Every structure is written in structure tokens, then in C-alpha cells.
C-alpha atoms as a PDB file:
ATOM      1  CA  MET A   1     175.655  71.044 -92.041  1.00  0.00           C
ATOM      2  CA  VAL A   2     177.380  74.233 -91.028  1.00  0.00           C
ATOM      3  CA  TYR A   3     181.072  74.757 -91.735  1.00  0.00           C
ATOM      4  CA  ASP A   4     183.291  76.640 -89.279  1.00  0.00           C
ATOM      5  CA  PRO A   5     185.011  79.458 -91.239  1.00  0.00           C
ATOM      6  CA  ARG A   6     187.751  80.172 -88.675  1.00  0.00           C
ATOM      7  CA  PRO A   7     191.244  79.281 -89.984  1.00  0.00           C
ATOM      8  CA  SER A   8     192.221  77.638 -86.678  1.00  0.00           C
ATOM      9  CA  ALA A   9     189.144  75.395 -86.854  1.00  0.00           C
ATOM     10  CA  ALA A  10     190.991  73.281 -89.415  1.00  0.00           C
ATOM     11  CA  PHE A  11     193.194  71.898 -86.622  1.00  0.00           C
ATOM     12  CA  ASN A  12     191.894  69.257 -84.253  1.00  0.00           C
ATOM     13  CA  LEU A  13     193.088  68.505 -80.712  1.00  0.00           C
ATOM     14  CA  PHE A  14     196.075  66.532 -81.999  1.00  0.00           C
ATOM     15  CA  ASN A  15     197.250  69.312 -84.354  1.00  0.00           C
ATOM     16  CA  GLN A  16     196.250  67.291 -87.376  1.00  0.00           C
ATOM     17  CA  ILE A  17     194.794  69.253 -90.240  1.00  0.00           C
ATOM     18  CA  ASP A  18     191.171  68.596 -91.137  1.00  0.00           C
ATOM     19  CA  SER A  19     189.739  70.015 -94.328  1.00  0.00           C
ATOM     20  CA  TYR A  20     187.221  71.976 -92.208  1.00  0.00           C
ATOM     21  CA  SER A  21     185.164  71.690 -89.058  1.00  0.00           C
ATOM     22  CA  VAL A  22     181.606  70.565 -89.704  1.00  0.00           C
ATOM     23  CA  TYR A  23     178.655  70.786 -87.341  1.00  0.00           C
ATOM     24  CA  ARG A  24     175.764  68.480 -88.138  1.00  0.00           C
ATOM     25  CA  TYR A  25     172.249  68.884 -86.819  1.00  0.00           C
ATOM     26  CA  ARG A  26     169.730  66.053 -86.892  1.00  0.00           C
ATOM     27  CA  PRO A  27     166.413  67.564 -87.973  1.00  0.00           C
ATOM     28  CA  ARG A  28     163.390  67.361 -85.706  1.00  0.00           C
ATOM     29  CA  GLU A  29     159.799  68.317 -86.338  1.00  0.00           C
ATOM     30  CA  ASP A  30     159.242  72.067 -85.911  1.00  0.00           C
ATOM     31  CA  MET A  31     163.007  72.745 -85.858  1.00  0.00           C
ATOM     32  CA  LEU A  32     164.350  76.105 -87.032  1.00  0.00           C
ATOM     33  CA  ILE A  33     168.050  76.895 -87.358  1.00  0.00           C
ATOM     34  CA  VAL A  34     169.041  80.532 -87.909  1.00  0.00           C
ATOM     35  CA  PHE A  35     172.572  81.535 -88.873  1.00  0.00           C
ATOM     36  CA  PRO A  36     174.328  84.431 -90.654  1.00  0.00           C
ATOM     37  CA  ALA A  37     174.237  84.409 -94.467  1.00  0.00           C
ATOM     38  CA  TRP A  38     178.044  84.380 -94.772  1.00  0.00           C
ATOM     39  CA  LEU A  39     178.314  81.019 -92.972  1.00  0.00           C
ATOM     40  CA  SER A  40     178.900  78.185 -95.441  1.00  0.00           C
ATOM     41  CA  HIS A  41     176.258  75.504 -95.170  1.00  0.00           C
ATOM     42  CA  SER A  42     174.705  72.592 -96.992  1.00  0.00           C
ATOM     43  CA  VAL A  43     171.881  70.083 -96.722  1.00  0.00           C
ATOM     44  CA  SER A  44     172.251  66.343 -97.230  1.00  0.00           C
ATOM     45  CA  SER A  45     170.037  64.530 -99.691  1.00  0.00           C
ATOM     46  CA  ASN A  46     166.696  63.307 -98.414  1.00  0.00           C
ATOM     47  CA  ARG A  47     166.959  59.529 -98.743  1.00  0.00           C
ATOM     48  CA  THR A  48     163.606  58.762 -97.162  1.00  0.00           C
ATOM     49  CA  GLU A  49     160.142  58.333 -98.589  1.00  0.00           C
ATOM     50  CA  GLN A  50     158.896  61.228 -96.440  1.00  0.00           C
ATOM     51  CA  ALA A  51     158.617  64.727 -97.834  1.00  0.00           C
ATOM     52  CA  ARG A  52     161.042  67.309 -96.496  1.00  0.00           C
ATOM     53  CA  ILE A  53     160.252  71.002 -96.650  1.00  0.00           C
ATOM     54  CA  SER A  54     163.129  73.484 -96.676  1.00  0.00           C
ATOM     55  CA  ILE A  55     162.513  77.213 -96.461  1.00  0.00           C
ATOM     56  CA  ALA A  56     165.297  79.739 -97.011  1.00  0.00           C
ATOM     57  CA  PHE A  57     165.073  83.475 -96.460  1.00  0.00           C
ATOM     58  CA  ASN A  58     167.155  86.531 -95.616  1.00  0.00           C
ATOM     59  CA  MET A  59     166.247  88.879 -92.803  1.00  0.00           C
ATOM     60  CA  THR A  60     167.581  92.064 -91.296  1.00  0.00           C
ATOM     61  CA  VAL A  61     167.439  92.868 -87.603  1.00  0.00           C
ATOM     62  CA  THR A  62     167.205  96.573 -86.821  1.00  0.00           C
ATOM     63  CA  ASP A  63     167.088  98.585 -83.633  1.00  0.00           C
ATOM     64  CA  ARG A  64     163.873 100.602 -83.410  1.00  0.00           C
ATOM     65  CA  ALA A  65     165.137 102.849 -80.618  1.00  0.00           C
END
């Protein structure tokens, strides 16, 4: 899950306050999701009998010009 950090994201279309906006992604084989380190995120518990592999890393993108 990825949580929207924008203050206005707490309001839905009917101007009701949500605690936060959450974006959920259903995992697929060979799926990679890349996002900035400052973005709050979490992973739900694996409630299946299948193994799940999670890899976390930090990277820096630089301009070689």
C-alpha cells in the first residue's frame, strides 16, 4: 500500500475527511514497484502458503552529462 502524503488527499469527492488516501496494488509475478523513499508505504501480511519474496533497496539517479 502507498499512502498519499498531500494534505488535500484526506478529502474525498463529498468533502468528507478520510484518515488518508491509500493506493493498493495487487502483486503479480515479476512485478516491480518503484517509488520515492519519503512516500509512506506498507505491506500486508502474507496469508497464503506460498512464499513471498520482498526486496528493498535505495538508489540514486544521477545525470552523467
